[in-house]
Amino acid sequence: MNAGTFWYVLLLVLGALVGAAGSLAQSTWVPGGLVLALLASAGVFYGGLRATGTQFGVVAAGAGWLGAIVFLSFGRPEGDVAFGGGFAEMVYLLGGMALAVICATLSRLLPPAP
């Protein structure tokens, strides 16, 4: 596995972890947990851009984040769900997607001047 693939796989897993942790935190501490979850999501998306230097780093982190969110929104046969369908859940879902798009549309980083 080369270095590029390693970063993308790491960002995919990190995005999934942040998405899962954010889905639990956003409903636990309202509104502080929502803000914390969105800041963590923005951090992993922007970190993906900085780590790889391309927008594909944001896509990898965003794919992991969205995959975890979708998986947790299905619920179990017993009726347990991570998302109750309230206002905070929608803000987290739509806000996180908006943050991923914002980070993906940022221009590539310029190398530092000597």
Protein backbone atom coordinates (compact mmCIF):
# COMPACT_ATOMS: atom_id res chain seq x y z
CA MET A 1 0.00 0.00 0.00
CA ASN A 2 1.51 3.31 -1.01
CA ALA A 3 1.38 6.50 1.07
CA GLY A 4 -1.55 8.01 -0.87
CA THR A 5 -3.77 4.99 -0.40
CA PHE A 6 -2.86 4.85 3.29
CA TRP A 7 -4.08 8.43 3.82
CA TYR A 8 -7.35 7.83 2.00
CA VAL A 9 -8.14 4.66 3.96
CA LEU A 10 -7.20 6.40 7.21
CA LEU A 11 -9.43 9.36 6.36
CA LEU A 12 -12.31 7.03 5.47
CA VAL A 13 -12.07 5.31 8.86
CA LEU A 14 -11.54 8.59 10.72
CA GLY A 15 -14.56 10.12 8.98
CA ALA A 16 -16.68 7.14 10.02
CA LEU A 17 -15.51 7.44 13.63
CA VAL A 18 -16.22 11.17 13.75
CA GLY A 19 -19.63 10.63 12.17
CA ALA A 20 -20.55 7.95 14.69
CA ALA A 21 -19.28 9.97 17.66
CA GLY A 22 -21.00 13.10 16.36
CA SER A 23 -24.33 11.32 16.02
CA LEU A 24 -24.19 10.38 19.67
CA ALA A 25 -22.85 13.72 20.95
CA GLN A 26 -25.18 16.00 19.00
CA SER A 27 -28.28 14.70 20.72
CA THR A 28 -26.73 14.29 24.15
CA TRP A 29 -25.67 17.87 24.87
CA VAL A 30 -27.96 20.30 23.07
CA PRO A 31 -26.78 22.73 21.63
CA GLY A 32 -23.15 22.30 22.74
CA GLY A 33 -22.93 18.74 21.46
CA LEU A 34 -24.26 19.80 18.08
CA VAL A 35 -21.64 22.52 17.79
CA LEU A 36 -18.91 20.14 18.96
CA ALA A 37 -20.00 17.46 16.46
CA LEU A 38 -20.03 19.95 13.58
CA LEU A 39 -16.61 21.32 14.57
CA ALA A 40 -15.19 17.79 14.69
CA SER A 41 -16.69 17.06 11.27
CA ALA A 42 -15.22 20.25 9.82
CA GLY A 43 -11.88 19.33 11.36
CA VAL A 44 -11.75 15.91 9.75
CA PHE A 45 -12.86 17.29 6.38
CA TYR A 46 -10.32 20.11 6.40
CA GLY A 47 -7.72 17.74 7.79
CA GLY A 48 -8.31 15.49 4.80
CA LEU A 49 -7.63 18.41 2.50
CA ARG A 50 -4.46 19.33 4.37
CA ALA A 51 -3.18 15.76 4.71
CA THR A 52 -3.53 14.84 1.05
CA GLY A 53 -3.40 18.25 -0.61
CA THR A 54 -6.34 17.31 -2.85
CA GLN A 55 -10.09 17.35 -2.69
CA PHE A 56 -10.11 13.55 -2.70
CA GLY A 57 -9.01 13.66 0.92
CA VAL A 58 -12.23 15.52 1.75
CA VAL A 59 -14.22 13.03 -0.30
CA ALA A 60 -12.68 10.08 1.56
CA ALA A 61 -13.43 11.61 4.98
CA GLY A 62 -16.89 12.66 3.83
CA ALA A 63 -17.70 9.21 2.50
CA GLY A 64 -16.79 7.62 5.82
CA TRP A 65 -18.76 10.27 7.72
CA LEU A 66 -21.85 9.86 5.53
CA GLY A 67 -21.62 6.07 5.62
CA ALA A 68 -21.64 6.07 9.41
CA ILE A 69 -24.56 8.53 9.52
CA VAL A 70 -26.63 6.47 7.09
CA PHE A 71 -25.81 3.23 8.90
CA LEU A 72 -26.83 4.69 12.27
CA SER A 73 -30.04 6.17 10.89
CA PHE A 74 -31.47 2.77 9.93
CA GLY A 75 -32.17 1.57 13.44
CA ARG A 76 -32.46 -1.92 14.81
CA PRO A 77 -35.37 -4.38 14.88
CA GLU A 78 -35.85 -3.60 18.56
CA GLY A 79 -36.65 -0.01 17.64
CA ASP A 80 -33.40 1.63 18.81
CA VAL A 81 -32.17 4.45 16.60
CA ALA A 82 -29.33 6.96 16.93
CA PHE A 83 -31.36 9.69 15.21
CA GLY A 84 -34.73 10.54 16.67
CA GLY A 85 -35.77 12.80 13.81
CA GLY A 86 -35.55 16.10 15.65
CA PHE A 87 -34.21 19.50 14.65
CA ALA A 88 -30.67 18.89 15.95
CA GLU A 89 -30.33 15.71 13.89
CA MET A 90 -31.30 17.51 10.70
CA VAL A 91 -28.91 20.37 11.43
CA TYR A 92 -26.12 17.86 12.02
CA LEU A 93 -26.85 15.95 8.83
CA LEU A 94 -27.30 18.94 6.54
CA GLY A 95 -24.64 21.04 8.27
CA GLY A 96 -22.08 18.24 8.01
CA MET A 97 -22.78 17.77 4.32
CA ALA A 98 -22.49 21.53 3.76
CA LEU A 99 -19.16 21.58 5.60
CA ALA A 100 -17.87 18.73 3.43
CA VAL A 101 -18.86 20.60 0.28
CA ILE A 102 -17.27 23.81 1.54
CA CYS A 103 -14.00 22.01 2.33
CA ALA A 104 -14.05 20.18 -1.01
CA THR A 105 -14.44 23.41 -2.95
CA LEU A 106 -11.55 25.16 -1.22
CA SER A 107 -8.66 25.75 -3.53
CA ARG A 108 -5.65 23.51 -3.32
CA LEU A 109 -3.04 24.57 -0.88
CA LEU A 110 -0.11 26.52 -2.23
CA PRO A 111 3.37 25.43 -1.19
CA PRO A 112 4.97 27.78 1.32
CA ALA A 113 7.20 30.48 -0.11
CA PRO A 114 10.93 30.03 0.51
